[in-house]
PDBML (XML) file of the C-alpha atoms, coordinates in Angstrom:
<?xml version="1.0" encoding="UTF-8" ?>
<PDBx:datablock datablockName="MODEL"
   xmlns:PDBx="http://pdbml.pdb.org/schema/pdbx-v50.xsd"
   xmlns:xsi="http://www.w3.org/2001/XMLSchema-instance"
   xsi:schemaLocation="http://pdbml.pdb.org/schema/pdbx-v50.xsd pdbx-v50.xsd">
   <PDBx:atom_siteCategory>
      <PDBx:atom_site id="1">
         <PDBx:B_iso_or_equiv>0.00</PDBx:B_iso_or_equiv>
         <PDBx:Cartn_x>10.892</PDBx:Cartn_x>
         <PDBx:Cartn_y>-42.676</PDBx:Cartn_y>
         <PDBx:Cartn_z>-213.696</PDBx:Cartn_z>
         <PDBx:auth_asym_id>A</PDBx:auth_asym_id>
         <PDBx:auth_atom_id>CA</PDBx:auth_atom_id>
         <PDBx:auth_comp_id>LYS</PDBx:auth_comp_id>
         <PDBx:auth_seq_id>1</PDBx:auth_seq_id>
         <PDBx:group_PDB>ATOM</PDBx:group_PDB>
         <PDBx:label_alt_id xsi:nil="true" />
         <PDBx:label_asym_id>A</PDBx:label_asym_id>
         <PDBx:label_atom_id>CA</PDBx:label_atom_id>
         <PDBx:label_comp_id>LYS</PDBx:label_comp_id>
         <PDBx:label_entity_id>1</PDBx:label_entity_id>
         <PDBx:label_seq_id>1</PDBx:label_seq_id>
         <PDBx:occupancy>1.00</PDBx:occupancy>
         <PDBx:pdbx_PDB_model_num>1</PDBx:pdbx_PDB_model_num>
         <PDBx:type_symbol>C</PDBx:type_symbol>
      </PDBx:atom_site>
      <PDBx:atom_site id="2">
         <PDBx:B_iso_or_equiv>0.00</PDBx:B_iso_or_equiv>
         <PDBx:Cartn_x>8.043</PDBx:Cartn_x>
         <PDBx:Cartn_y>-40.239</PDBx:Cartn_y>
         <PDBx:Cartn_z>-213.389</PDBx:Cartn_z>
         <PDBx:auth_asym_id>A</PDBx:auth_asym_id>
         <PDBx:auth_atom_id>CA</PDBx:auth_atom_id>
         <PDBx:auth_comp_id>GLU</PDBx:auth_comp_id>
         <PDBx:auth_seq_id>2</PDBx:auth_seq_id>
         <PDBx:group_PDB>ATOM</PDBx:group_PDB>
         <PDBx:label_alt_id xsi:nil="true" />
         <PDBx:label_asym_id>A</PDBx:label_asym_id>
         <PDBx:label_atom_id>CA</PDBx:label_atom_id>
         <PDBx:label_comp_id>GLU</PDBx:label_comp_id>
         <PDBx:label_entity_id>1</PDBx:label_entity_id>
         <PDBx:label_seq_id>2</PDBx:label_seq_id>
         <PDBx:occupancy>1.00</PDBx:occupancy>
         <PDBx:pdbx_PDB_model_num>1</PDBx:pdbx_PDB_model_num>
         <PDBx:type_symbol>C</PDBx:type_symbol>
      </PDBx:atom_site>
      <PDBx:atom_site id="3">
         <PDBx:B_iso_or_equiv>0.00</PDBx:B_iso_or_equiv>
         <PDBx:Cartn_x>5.011</PDBx:Cartn_x>
         <PDBx:Cartn_y>-40.548</PDBx:Cartn_y>
         <PDBx:Cartn_z>-215.605</PDBx:Cartn_z>
         <PDBx:auth_asym_id>A</PDBx:auth_asym_id>
         <PDBx:auth_atom_id>CA</PDBx:auth_atom_id>
         <PDBx:auth_comp_id>ARG</PDBx:auth_comp_id>
         <PDBx:auth_seq_id>3</PDBx:auth_seq_id>
         <PDBx:group_PDB>ATOM</PDBx:group_PDB>
         <PDBx:label_alt_id xsi:nil="true" />
         <PDBx:label_asym_id>A</PDBx:label_asym_id>
         <PDBx:label_atom_id>CA</PDBx:label_atom_id>
         <PDBx:label_comp_id>ARG</PDBx:label_comp_id>
         <PDBx:label_entity_id>1</PDBx:label_entity_id>
         <PDBx:label_seq_id>3</PDBx:label_seq_id>
         <PDBx:occupancy>1.00</PDBx:occupancy>
         <PDBx:pdbx_PDB_model_num>1</PDBx:pdbx_PDB_model_num>
         <PDBx:type_symbol>C</PDBx:type_symbol>
      </PDBx:atom_site>
      <PDBx:atom_site id="4">
         <PDBx:B_iso_or_equiv>0.00</PDBx:B_iso_or_equiv>
         <PDBx:Cartn_x>5.572</PDBx:Cartn_x>
         <PDBx:Cartn_y>-38.376</PDBx:Cartn_y>
         <PDBx:Cartn_z>-218.672</PDBx:Cartn_z>
         <PDBx:auth_asym_id>A</PDBx:auth_asym_id>
         <PDBx:auth_atom_id>CA</PDBx:auth_atom_id>
         <PDBx:auth_comp_id>GLU</PDBx:auth_comp_id>
         <PDBx:auth_seq_id>4</PDBx:auth_seq_id>
         <PDBx:group_PDB>ATOM</PDBx:group_PDB>
         <PDBx:label_alt_id xsi:nil="true" />
         <PDBx:label_asym_id>A</PDBx:label_asym_id>
         <PDBx:label_atom_id>CA</PDBx:label_atom_id>
         <PDBx:label_comp_id>GLU</PDBx:label_comp_id>
         <PDBx:label_entity_id>1</PDBx:label_entity_id>
         <PDBx:label_seq_id>4</PDBx:label_seq_id>
         <PDBx:occupancy>1.00</PDBx:occupancy>
         <PDBx:pdbx_PDB_model_num>1</PDBx:pdbx_PDB_model_num>
         <PDBx:type_symbol>C</PDBx:type_symbol>
      </PDBx:atom_site>
      <PDBx:atom_site id="5">
         <PDBx:B_iso_or_equiv>0.00</PDBx:B_iso_or_equiv>
         <PDBx:Cartn_x>3.136</PDBx:Cartn_x>
         <PDBx:Cartn_y>-36.714</PDBx:Cartn_y>
         <PDBx:Cartn_z>-221.028</PDBx:Cartn_z>
         <PDBx:auth_asym_id>A</PDBx:auth_asym_id>
         <PDBx:auth_atom_id>CA</PDBx:auth_atom_id>
         <PDBx:auth_comp_id>TYR</PDBx:auth_comp_id>
         <PDBx:auth_seq_id>5</PDBx:auth_seq_id>
         <PDBx:group_PDB>ATOM</PDBx:group_PDB>
         <PDBx:label_alt_id xsi:nil="true" />
         <PDBx:label_asym_id>A</PDBx:label_asym_id>
         <PDBx:label_atom_id>CA</PDBx:label_atom_id>
         <PDBx:label_comp_id>TYR</PDBx:label_comp_id>
         <PDBx:label_entity_id>1</PDBx:label_entity_id>
         <PDBx:label_seq_id>5</PDBx:label_seq_id>
         <PDBx:occupancy>1.00</PDBx:occupancy>
         <PDBx:pdbx_PDB_model_num>1</PDBx:pdbx_PDB_model_num>
         <PDBx:type_symbol>C</PDBx:type_symbol>
      </PDBx:atom_site>
      <PDBx:atom_site id="6">
         <PDBx:B_iso_or_equiv>0.00</PDBx:B_iso_or_equiv>
         <PDBx:Cartn_x>3.009</PDBx:Cartn_x>
         <PDBx:Cartn_y>-38.049</PDBx:Cartn_y>
         <PDBx:Cartn_z>-224.568</PDBx:Cartn_z>
         <PDBx:auth_asym_id>A</PDBx:auth_asym_id>
         <PDBx:auth_atom_id>CA</PDBx:auth_atom_id>
         <PDBx:auth_comp_id>VAL</PDBx:auth_comp_id>
         <PDBx:auth_seq_id>6</PDBx:auth_seq_id>
         <PDBx:group_PDB>ATOM</PDBx:group_PDB>
         <PDBx:label_alt_id xsi:nil="true" />
         <PDBx:label_asym_id>A</PDBx:label_asym_id>
         <PDBx:label_atom_id>CA</PDBx:label_atom_id>
         <PDBx:label_comp_id>VAL</PDBx:label_comp_id>
         <PDBx:label_entity_id>1</PDBx:label_entity_id>
         <PDBx:label_seq_id>6</PDBx:label_seq_id>
         <PDBx:occupancy>1.00</PDBx:occupancy>
         <PDBx:pdbx_PDB_model_num>1</PDBx:pdbx_PDB_model_num>
         <PDBx:type_symbol>C</PDBx:type_symbol>
      </PDBx:atom_site>
      <PDBx:atom_site id="7">
         <PDBx:B_iso_or_equiv>0.00</PDBx:B_iso_or_equiv>
         <PDBx:Cartn_x>0.046</PDBx:Cartn_x>
         <PDBx:Cartn_y>-36.453</PDBx:Cartn_y>
         <PDBx:Cartn_z>-226.339</PDBx:Cartn_z>
         <PDBx:auth_asym_id>A</PDBx:auth_asym_id>
         <PDBx:auth_atom_id>CA</PDBx:auth_atom_id>
         <PDBx:auth_comp_id>ALA</PDBx:auth_comp_id>
         <PDBx:auth_seq_id>7</PDBx:auth_seq_id>
         <PDBx:group_PDB>ATOM</PDBx:group_PDB>
         <PDBx:label_alt_id xsi:nil="true" />
         <PDBx:label_asym_id>A</PDBx:label_asym_id>
         <PDBx:label_atom_id>CA</PDBx:label_atom_id>
         <PDBx:label_comp_id>ALA</PDBx:label_comp_id>
         <PDBx:label_entity_id>1</PDBx:label_entity_id>
         <PDBx:label_seq_id>7</PDBx:label_seq_id>
         <PDBx:occupancy>1.00</PDBx:occupancy>
         <PDBx:pdbx_PDB_model_num>1</PDBx:pdbx_PDB_model_num>
         <PDBx:type_symbol>C</PDBx:type_symbol>
      </PDBx:atom_site>
      <PDBx:atom_site id="8">
         <PDBx:B_iso_or_equiv>0.00</PDBx:B_iso_or_equiv>
         <PDBx:Cartn_x>-3.302</PDBx:Cartn_x>
         <PDBx:Cartn_y>-34.822</PDBx:Cartn_y>
         <PDBx:Cartn_z>-225.692</PDBx:Cartn_z>
         <PDBx:auth_asym_id>A</PDBx:auth_asym_id>
         <PDBx:auth_atom_id>CA</PDBx:auth_atom_id>
         <PDBx:auth_comp_id>GLY</PDBx:auth_comp_id>
         <PDBx:auth_seq_id>8</PDBx:auth_seq_id>
         <PDBx:group_PDB>ATOM</PDBx:group_PDB>
         <PDBx:label_alt_id xsi:nil="true" />
         <PDBx:label_asym_id>A</PDBx:label_asym_id>
         <PDBx:label_atom_id>CA</PDBx:label_atom_id>
         <PDBx:label_comp_id>GLY</PDBx:label_comp_id>
         <PDBx:label_entity_id>1</PDBx:label_entity_id>
         <PDBx:label_seq_id>8</PDBx:label_seq_id>
         <PDBx:occupancy>1.00</PDBx:occupancy>
         <PDBx:pdbx_PDB_model_num>1</PDBx:pdbx_PDB_model_num>
         <PDBx:type_symbol>C</PDBx:type_symbol>
      </PDBx:atom_site>
      <PDBx:atom_site id="9">
         <PDBx:B_iso_or_equiv>0.00</PDBx:B_iso_or_equiv>
         <PDBx:Cartn_x>-6.539</PDBx:Cartn_x>
         <PDBx:Cartn_y>-33.951</PDBx:Cartn_y>
         <PDBx:Cartn_z>-227.455</PDBx:Cartn_z>
         <PDBx:auth_asym_id>A</PDBx:auth_asym_id>
         <PDBx:auth_atom_id>CA</PDBx:auth_atom_id>
         <PDBx:auth_comp_id>ILE</PDBx:auth_comp_id>
         <PDBx:auth_seq_id>9</PDBx:auth_seq_id>
         <PDBx:group_PDB>ATOM</PDBx:group_PDB>
         <PDBx:label_alt_id xsi:nil="true" />
         <PDBx:label_asym_id>A</PDBx:label_asym_id>
         <PDBx:label_atom_id>CA</PDBx:label_atom_id>
         <PDBx:label_comp_id>ILE</PDBx:label_comp_id>
         <PDBx:label_entity_id>1</PDBx:label_entity_id>
         <PDBx:label_seq_id>9</PDBx:label_seq_id>
         <PDBx:occupancy>1.00</PDBx:occupancy>
         <PDBx:pdbx_PDB_model_num>1</PDBx:pdbx_PDB_model_num>
         <PDBx:type_symbol>C</PDBx:type_symbol>
      </PDBx:atom_site>
      <PDBx:atom_site id="10">
         <PDBx:B_iso_or_equiv>0.00</PDBx:B_iso_or_equiv>
         <PDBx:Cartn_x>-9.215</PDBx:Cartn_x>
         <PDBx:Cartn_y>-31.561</PDBx:Cartn_y>
         <PDBx:Cartn_z>-226.286</PDBx:Cartn_z>
         <PDBx:auth_asym_id>A</PDBx:auth_asym_id>
         <PDBx:auth_atom_id>CA</PDBx:auth_atom_id>
         <PDBx:auth_comp_id>ASN</PDBx:auth_comp_id>
         <PDBx:auth_seq_id>10</PDBx:auth_seq_id>
         <PDBx:group_PDB>ATOM</PDBx:group_PDB>
         <PDBx:label_alt_id xsi:nil="true" />
         <PDBx:label_asym_id>A</PDBx:label_asym_id>
         <PDBx:label_atom_id>CA</PDBx:label_atom_id>
         <PDBx:label_comp_id>ASN</PDBx:label_comp_id>
         <PDBx:label_entity_id>1</PDBx:label_entity_id>
         <PDBx:label_seq_id>10</PDBx:label_seq_id>
         <PDBx:occupancy>1.00</PDBx:occupancy>
         <PDBx:pdbx_PDB_model_num>1</PDBx:pdbx_PDB_model_num>
         <PDBx:type_symbol>C</PDBx:type_symbol>
      </PDBx:atom_site>
      <PDBx:atom_site id="11">
         <PDBx:B_iso_or_equiv>0.00</PDBx:B_iso_or_equiv>
         <PDBx:Cartn_x>-12.848</PDBx:Cartn_x>
         <PDBx:Cartn_y>-32.552</PDBx:Cartn_y>
         <PDBx:Cartn_z>-225.799</PDBx:Cartn_z>
         <PDBx:auth_asym_id>A</PDBx:auth_asym_id>
         <PDBx:auth_atom_id>CA</PDBx:auth_atom_id>
         <PDBx:auth_comp_id>TRP</PDBx:auth_comp_id>
         <PDBx:auth_seq_id>11</PDBx:auth_seq_id>
         <PDBx:group_PDB>ATOM</PDBx:group_PDB>
         <PDBx:label_alt_id xsi:nil="true" />
         <PDBx:label_asym_id>A</PDBx:label_asym_id>
         <PDBx:label_atom_id>CA</PDBx:label_atom_id>
         <PDBx:label_comp_id>TRP</PDBx:label_comp_id>
         <PDBx:label_entity_id>1</PDBx:label_entity_id>
         <PDBx:label_seq_id>11</PDBx:label_seq_id>
         <PDBx:occupancy>1.00</PDBx:occupancy>
         <PDBx:pdbx_PDB_model_num>1</PDBx:pdbx_PDB_model_num>
         <PDBx:type_symbol>C</PDBx:type_symbol>
      </PDBx:atom_site>
      <PDBx:atom_site id="12">
         <PDBx:B_iso_or_equiv>0.00</PDBx:B_iso_or_equiv>
         <PDBx:Cartn_x>-13.948</PDBx:Cartn_x>
         <PDBx:Cartn_y>-31.683</PDBx:Cartn_y>
         <PDBx:Cartn_z>-229.335</PDBx:Cartn_z>
         <PDBx:auth_asym_id>A</PDBx:auth_asym_id>
         <PDBx:auth_atom_id>CA</PDBx:auth_atom_id>
         <PDBx:auth_comp_id>SER</PDBx:auth_comp_id>
         <PDBx:auth_seq_id>12</PDBx:auth_seq_id>
         <PDBx:group_PDB>ATOM</PDBx:group_PDB>
         <PDBx:label_alt_id xsi:nil="true" />
         <PDBx:label_asym_id>A</PDBx:label_asym_id>
         <PDBx:label_atom_id>CA</PDBx:label_atom_id>
         <PDBx:label_comp_id>SER</PDBx:label_comp_id>
         <PDBx:label_entity_id>1</PDBx:label_entity_id>
         <PDBx:label_seq_id>12</PDBx:label_seq_id>
         <PDBx:occupancy>1.00</PDBx:occupancy>
         <PDBx:pdbx_PDB_model_num>1</PDBx:pdbx_PDB_model_num>
         <PDBx:type_symbol>C</PDBx:type_symbol>
      </PDBx:atom_site>
      <PDBx:atom_site id="13">
         <PDBx:B_iso_or_equiv>0.00</PDBx:B_iso_or_equiv>
         <PDBx:Cartn_x>-10.850</PDBx:Cartn_x>
         <PDBx:Cartn_y>-32.948</PDBx:Cartn_y>
         <PDBx:Cartn_z>-231.125</PDBx:Cartn_z>
         <PDBx:auth_asym_id>A</PDBx:auth_asym_id>
         <PDBx:auth_atom_id>CA</PDBx:auth_atom_id>
         <PDBx:auth_comp_id>GLY</PDBx:auth_comp_id>
         <PDBx:auth_seq_id>13</PDBx:auth_seq_id>
         <PDBx:group_PDB>ATOM</PDBx:group_PDB>
         <PDBx:label_alt_id xsi:nil="true" />
         <PDBx:label_asym_id>A</PDBx:label_asym_id>
         <PDBx:label_atom_id>CA</PDBx:label_atom_id>
         <PDBx:label_comp_id>GLY</PDBx:label_comp_id>
         <PDBx:label_entity_id>1</PDBx:label_entity_id>
         <PDBx:label_seq_id>13</PDBx:label_seq_id>
         <PDBx:occupancy>1.00</PDBx:occupancy>
         <PDBx:pdbx_PDB_model_num>1</PDBx:pdbx_PDB_model_num>
         <PDBx:type_symbol>C</PDBx:type_symbol>
      </PDBx:atom_site>
      <PDBx:atom_site id="14">
         <PDBx:B_iso_or_equiv>0.00</PDBx:B_iso_or_equiv>
         <PDBx:Cartn_x>-9.995</PDBx:Cartn_x>
         <PDBx:Cartn_y>-29.489</PDBx:Cartn_y>
         <PDBx:Cartn_z>-232.446</PDBx:Cartn_z>
         <PDBx:auth_asym_id>A</PDBx:auth_asym_id>
         <PDBx:auth_atom_id>CA</PDBx:auth_atom_id>
         <PDBx:auth_comp_id>VAL</PDBx:auth_comp_id>
         <PDBx:auth_seq_id>14</PDBx:auth_seq_id>
         <PDBx:group_PDB>ATOM</PDBx:group_PDB>
         <PDBx:label_alt_id xsi:nil="true" />
         <PDBx:label_asym_id>A</PDBx:label_asym_id>
         <PDBx:label_atom_id>CA</PDBx:label_atom_id>
         <PDBx:label_comp_id>VAL</PDBx:label_comp_id>
         <PDBx:label_entity_id>1</PDBx:label_entity_id>
         <PDBx:label_seq_id>14</PDBx:label_seq_id>
         <PDBx:occupancy>1.00</PDBx:occupancy>
         <PDBx:pdbx_PDB_model_num>1</PDBx:pdbx_PDB_model_num>
         <PDBx:type_symbol>C</PDBx:type_symbol>
      </PDBx:atom_site>
      <PDBx:atom_site id="15">
         <PDBx:B_iso_or_equiv>0.00</PDBx:B_iso_or_equiv>
         <PDBx:Cartn_x>-6.758</PDBx:Cartn_x>
         <PDBx:Cartn_y>-29.209</PDBx:Cartn_y>
         <PDBx:Cartn_z>-230.509</PDBx:Cartn_z>
         <PDBx:auth_asym_id>A</PDBx:auth_asym_id>
         <PDBx:auth_atom_id>CA</PDBx:auth_atom_id>
         <PDBx:auth_comp_id>THR</PDBx:auth_comp_id>
         <PDBx:auth_seq_id>15</PDBx:auth_seq_id>
         <PDBx:group_PDB>ATOM</PDBx:group_PDB>
         <PDBx:label_alt_id xsi:nil="true" />
         <PDBx:label_asym_id>A</PDBx:label_asym_id>
         <PDBx:label_atom_id>CA</PDBx:label_atom_id>
         <PDBx:label_comp_id>THR</PDBx:label_comp_id>
         <PDBx:label_entity_id>1</PDBx:label_entity_id>
         <PDBx:label_seq_id>15</PDBx:label_seq_id>
         <PDBx:occupancy>1.00</PDBx:occupancy>
         <PDBx:pdbx_PDB_model_num>1</PDBx:pdbx_PDB_model_num>
         <PDBx:type_symbol>C</PDBx:type_symbol>
      </PDBx:atom_site>
      <PDBx:atom_site id="16">
         <PDBx:B_iso_or_equiv>0.00</PDBx:B_iso_or_equiv>
         <PDBx:Cartn_x>-4.011</PDBx:Cartn_x>
         <PDBx:Cartn_y>-31.795</PDBx:Cartn_y>
         <PDBx:Cartn_z>-230.329</PDBx:Cartn_z>
         <PDBx:auth_asym_id>A</PDBx:auth_asym_id>
         <PDBx:auth_atom_id>CA</PDBx:auth_atom_id>
         <PDBx:auth_comp_id>THR</PDBx:auth_comp_id>
         <PDBx:auth_seq_id>16</PDBx:auth_seq_id>
         <PDBx:group_PDB>ATOM</PDBx:group_PDB>
         <PDBx:label_alt_id xsi:nil="true" />
         <PDBx:label_asym_id>A</PDBx:label_asym_id>
         <PDBx:label_atom_id>CA</PDBx:label_atom_id>
         <PDBx:label_comp_id>THR</PDBx:label_comp_id>
         <PDBx:label_entity_id>1</PDBx:label_entity_id>
         <PDBx:label_seq_id>16</PDBx:label_seq_id>
         <PDBx:occupancy>1.00</PDBx:occupancy>
         <PDBx:pdbx_PDB_model_num>1</PDBx:pdbx_PDB_model_num>
         <PDBx:type_symbol>C</PDBx:type_symbol>
      </PDBx:atom_site>
      <PDBx:atom_site id="17">
         <PDBx:B_iso_or_equiv>0.00</PDBx:B_iso_or_equiv>
         <PDBx:Cartn_x>-0.643</PDBx:Cartn_x>
         <PDBx:Cartn_y>-31.606</PDBx:Cartn_y>
         <PDBx:Cartn_z>-228.672</PDBx:Cartn_z>
         <PDBx:auth_asym_id>A</PDBx:auth_asym_id>
         <PDBx:auth_atom_id>CA</PDBx:auth_atom_id>
         <PDBx:auth_comp_id>ASP</PDBx:auth_comp_id>
         <PDBx:auth_seq_id>17</PDBx:auth_seq_id>
         <PDBx:group_PDB>ATOM</PDBx:group_PDB>
         <PDBx:label_alt_id xsi:nil="true" />
         <PDBx:label_asym_id>A</PDBx:label_asym_id>
         <PDBx:label_atom_id>CA</PDBx:label_atom_id>
         <PDBx:label_comp_id>ASP</PDBx:label_comp_id>
         <PDBx:label_entity_id>1</PDBx:label_entity_id>
         <PDBx:label_seq_id>17</PDBx:label_seq_id>
         <PDBx:occupancy>1.00</PDBx:occupancy>
         <PDBx:pdbx_PDB_model_num>1</PDBx:pdbx_PDB_model_num>
         <PDBx:type_symbol>C</PDBx:type_symbol>
      </PDBx:atom_site>
      <PDBx:atom_site id="18">
         <PDBx:B_iso_or_equiv>0.00</PDBx:B_iso_or_equiv>
         <PDBx:Cartn_x>2.480</PDBx:Cartn_x>
         <PDBx:Cartn_y>-33.769</PDBx:Cartn_y>
         <PDBx:Cartn_z>-228.696</PDBx:Cartn_z>
         <PDBx:auth_asym_id>A</PDBx:auth_asym_id>
         <PDBx:auth_atom_id>CA</PDBx:auth_atom_id>
         <PDBx:auth_comp_id>TYR</PDBx:auth_comp_id>
         <PDBx:auth_seq_id>18</PDBx:auth_seq_id>
         <PDBx:group_PDB>ATOM</PDBx:group_PDB>
         <PDBx:label_alt_id xsi:nil="true" />
         <PDBx:label_asym_id>A</PDBx:label_asym_id>
         <PDBx:label_atom_id>CA</PDBx:label_atom_id>
         <PDBx:label_comp_id>TYR</PDBx:label_comp_id>
         <PDBx:label_entity_id>1</PDBx:label_entity_id>
         <PDBx:label_seq_id>18</PDBx:label_seq_id>
         <PDBx:occupancy>1.00</PDBx:occupancy>
         <PDBx:pdbx_PDB_model_num>1</PDBx:pdbx_PDB_model_num>
         <PDBx:type_symbol>C</PDBx:type_symbol>
      </PDBx:atom_site>
      <PDBx:atom_site id="19">
         <PDBx:B_iso_or_equiv>0.00</PDBx:B_iso_or_equiv>
         <PDBx:Cartn_x>5.648</PDBx:Cartn_x>
         <PDBx:Cartn_y>-33.864</PDBx:Cartn_y>
         <PDBx:Cartn_z>-226.735</PDBx:Cartn_z>
         <PDBx:auth_asym_id>A</PDBx:auth_asym_id>
         <PDBx:auth_atom_id>CA</PDBx:auth_atom_id>
         <PDBx:auth_comp_id>THR</PDBx:auth_comp_id>
         <PDBx:auth_seq_id>19</PDBx:auth_seq_id>
         <PDBx:group_PDB>ATOM</PDBx:group_PDB>
         <PDBx:label_alt_id xsi:nil="true" />
         <PDBx:label_asym_id>A</PDBx:label_asym_id>
         <PDBx:label_atom_id>CA</PDBx:label_atom_id>
         <PDBx:label_comp_id>THR</PDBx:label_comp_id>
         <PDBx:label_entity_id>1</PDBx:label_entity_id>
         <PDBx:label_seq_id>19</PDBx:label_seq_id>
         <PDBx:occupancy>1.00</PDBx:occupancy>
         <PDBx:pdbx_PDB_model_num>1</PDBx:pdbx_PDB_model_num>
         <PDBx:type_symbol>C</PDBx:type_symbol>
      </PDBx:atom_site>
      <PDBx:atom_site id="20">
         <PDBx:B_iso_or_equiv>0.00</PDBx:B_iso_or_equiv>
         <PDBx:Cartn_x>8.753</PDBx:Cartn_x>
         <PDBx:Cartn_y>-33.346</PDBx:Cartn_y>
         <PDBx:Cartn_z>-228.861</PDBx:Cartn_z>
         <PDBx:auth_asym_id>A</PDBx:auth_asym_id>
         <PDBx:auth_atom_id>CA</PDBx:auth_atom_id>
         <PDBx:auth_comp_id>ASP</PDBx:auth_comp_id>
         <PDBx:auth_seq_id>20</PDBx:auth_seq_id>
         <PDBx:group_PDB>ATOM</PDBx:group_PDB>
         <PDBx:label_alt_id xsi:nil="true" />
         <PDBx:label_asym_id>A</PDBx:label_asym_id>
         <PDBx:label_atom_id>CA</PDBx:label_atom_id>
         <PDBx:label_comp_id>ASP</PDBx:label_comp_id>
         <PDBx:label_entity_id>1</PDBx:label_entity_id>
         <PDBx:label_seq_id>20</PDBx:label_seq_id>
         <PDBx:occupancy>1.00</PDBx:occupancy>
         <PDBx:pdbx_PDB_model_num>1</PDBx:pdbx_PDB_model_num>
         <PDBx:type_symbol>C</PDBx:type_symbol>
      </PDBx:atom_site>
      <PDBx:atom_site id="21">
         <PDBx:B_iso_or_equiv>0.00</PDBx:B_iso_or_equiv>
         <PDBx:Cartn_x>9.976</PDBx:Cartn_x>
         <PDBx:Cartn_y>-36.907</PDBx:Cartn_y>
         <PDBx:Cartn_z>-228.752</PDBx:Cartn_z>
         <PDBx:auth_asym_id>A</PDBx:auth_asym_id>
         <PDBx:auth_atom_id>CA</PDBx:auth_atom_id>
         <PDBx:auth_comp_id>PHE</PDBx:auth_comp_id>
         <PDBx:auth_seq_id>21</PDBx:auth_seq_id>
         <PDBx:group_PDB>ATOM</PDBx:group_PDB>
         <PDBx:label_alt_id xsi:nil="true" />
         <PDBx:label_asym_id>A</PDBx:label_asym_id>
         <PDBx:label_atom_id>CA</PDBx:label_atom_id>
         <PDBx:label_comp_id>PHE</PDBx:label_comp_id>
         <PDBx:label_entity_id>1</PDBx:label_entity_id>
         <PDBx:label_seq_id>21</PDBx:label_seq_id>
         <PDBx:occupancy>1.00</PDBx:occupancy>
         <PDBx:pdbx_PDB_model_num>1</PDBx:pdbx_PDB_model_num>
         <PDBx:type_symbol>C</PDBx:type_symbol>
      </PDBx:atom_site>
      <PDBx:atom_site id="22">
         <PDBx:B_iso_or_equiv>0.00</PDBx:B_iso_or_equiv>
         <PDBx:Cartn_x>6.866</PDBx:Cartn_x>
         <PDBx:Cartn_y>-38.277</PDBx:Cartn_y>
         <PDBx:Cartn_z>-230.486</PDBx:Cartn_z>
         <PDBx:auth_asym_id>A</PDBx:auth_asym_id>
         <PDBx:auth_atom_id>CA</PDBx:auth_atom_id>
         <PDBx:auth_comp_id>VAL</PDBx:auth_comp_id>
         <PDBx:auth_seq_id>22</PDBx:auth_seq_id>
         <PDBx:group_PDB>ATOM</PDBx:group_PDB>
         <PDBx:label_alt_id xsi:nil="true" />
         <PDBx:label_asym_id>A</PDBx:label_asym_id>
         <PDBx:label_atom_id>CA</PDBx:label_atom_id>
         <PDBx:label_comp_id>VAL</PDBx:label_comp_id>
         <PDBx:label_entity_id>1</PDBx:label_entity_id>
         <PDBx:label_seq_id>22</PDBx:label_seq_id>
         <PDBx:occupancy>1.00</PDBx:occupancy>
         <PDBx:pdbx_PDB_model_num>1</PDBx:pdbx_PDB_model_num>
         <PDBx:type_symbol>C</PDBx:type_symbol>
      </PDBx:atom_site>
      <PDBx:atom_site id="23">
         <PDBx:B_iso_or_equiv>0.00</PDBx:B_iso_or_equiv>
         <PDBx:Cartn_x>6.048</PDBx:Cartn_x>
         <PDBx:Cartn_y>-35.471</PDBx:Cartn_y>
         <PDBx:Cartn_z>-232.931</PDBx:Cartn_z>
         <PDBx:auth_asym_id>A</PDBx:auth_asym_id>
         <PDBx:auth_atom_id>CA</PDBx:auth_atom_id>
         <PDBx:auth_comp_id>LYS</PDBx:auth_comp_id>
         <PDBx:auth_seq_id>23</PDBx:auth_seq_id>
         <PDBx:group_PDB>ATOM</PDBx:group_PDB>
         <PDBx:label_alt_id xsi:nil="true" />
         <PDBx:label_asym_id>A</PDBx:label_asym_id>
         <PDBx:label_atom_id>CA</PDBx:label_atom_id>
         <PDBx:label_comp_id>LYS</PDBx:label_comp_id>
         <PDBx:label_entity_id>1</PDBx:label_entity_id>
         <PDBx:label_seq_id>23</PDBx:label_seq_id>
         <PDBx:occupancy>1.00</PDBx:occupancy>
         <PDBx:pdbx_PDB_model_num>1</PDBx:pdbx_PDB_model_num>
         <PDBx:type_symbol>C</PDBx:type_symbol>
      </PDBx:atom_site>
      <PDBx:atom_site id="24">
         <PDBx:B_iso_or_equiv>0.00</PDBx:B_iso_or_equiv>
         <PDBx:Cartn_x>5.769</PDBx:Cartn_x>
         <PDBx:Cartn_y>-36.788</PDBx:Cartn_y>
         <PDBx:Cartn_z>-236.445</PDBx:Cartn_z>
         <PDBx:auth_asym_id>A</PDBx:auth_asym_id>
         <PDBx:auth_atom_id>CA</PDBx:auth_atom_id>
         <PDBx:auth_comp_id>GLY</PDBx:auth_comp_id>
         <PDBx:auth_seq_id>24</PDBx:auth_seq_id>
         <PDBx:group_PDB>ATOM</PDBx:group_PDB>
         <PDBx:label_alt_id xsi:nil="true" />
         <PDBx:label_asym_id>A</PDBx:label_asym_id>
         <PDBx:label_atom_id>CA</PDBx:label_atom_id>
         <PDBx:label_comp_id>GLY</PDBx:label_comp_id>
         <PDBx:label_entity_id>1</PDBx:label_entity_id>
         <PDBx:label_seq_id>24</PDBx:label_seq_id>
         <PDBx:occupancy>1.00</PDBx:occupancy>
         <PDBx:pdbx_PDB_model_num>1</PDBx:pdbx_PDB_model_num>
         <PDBx:type_symbol>C</PDBx:type_symbol>
      </PDBx:atom_site>
      <PDBx:atom_site id="25">
         <PDBx:B_iso_or_equiv>0.00</PDBx:B_iso_or_equiv>
         <PDBx:Cartn_x>5.541</PDBx:Cartn_x>
         <PDBx:Cartn_y>-40.402</PDBx:Cartn_y>
         <PDBx:Cartn_z>-235.244</PDBx:Cartn_z>
         <PDBx:auth_asym_id>A</PDBx:auth_asym_id>
         <PDBx:auth_atom_id>CA</PDBx:auth_atom_id>
         <PDBx:auth_comp_id>ARG</PDBx:auth_comp_id>
         <PDBx:auth_seq_id>25</PDBx:auth_seq_id>
         <PDBx:group_PDB>ATOM</PDBx:group_PDB>
         <PDBx:label_alt_id xsi:nil="true" />
         <PDBx:label_asym_id>A</PDBx:label_asym_id>
         <PDBx:label_atom_id>CA</PDBx:label_atom_id>
         <PDBx:label_comp_id>ARG</PDBx:label_comp_id>
         <PDBx:label_entity_id>1</PDBx:label_entity_id>
         <PDBx:label_seq_id>25</PDBx:label_seq_id>
         <PDBx:occupancy>1.00</PDBx:occupancy>
         <PDBx:pdbx_PDB_model_num>1</PDBx:pdbx_PDB_model_num>
         <PDBx:type_symbol>C</PDBx:type_symbol>
      </PDBx:atom_site>
   </PDBx:atom_siteCategory>
</PDBx:datablock>
C-alpha cells in the first residue's frame, strides 16, 4: 500500500491535523 498520512503539526505547534481514522485516538 501507499504511504498514508496520519497526523501533522505545524512548526510552532499551534496547528494540528489528523486523518479521520485516528481522530480522537
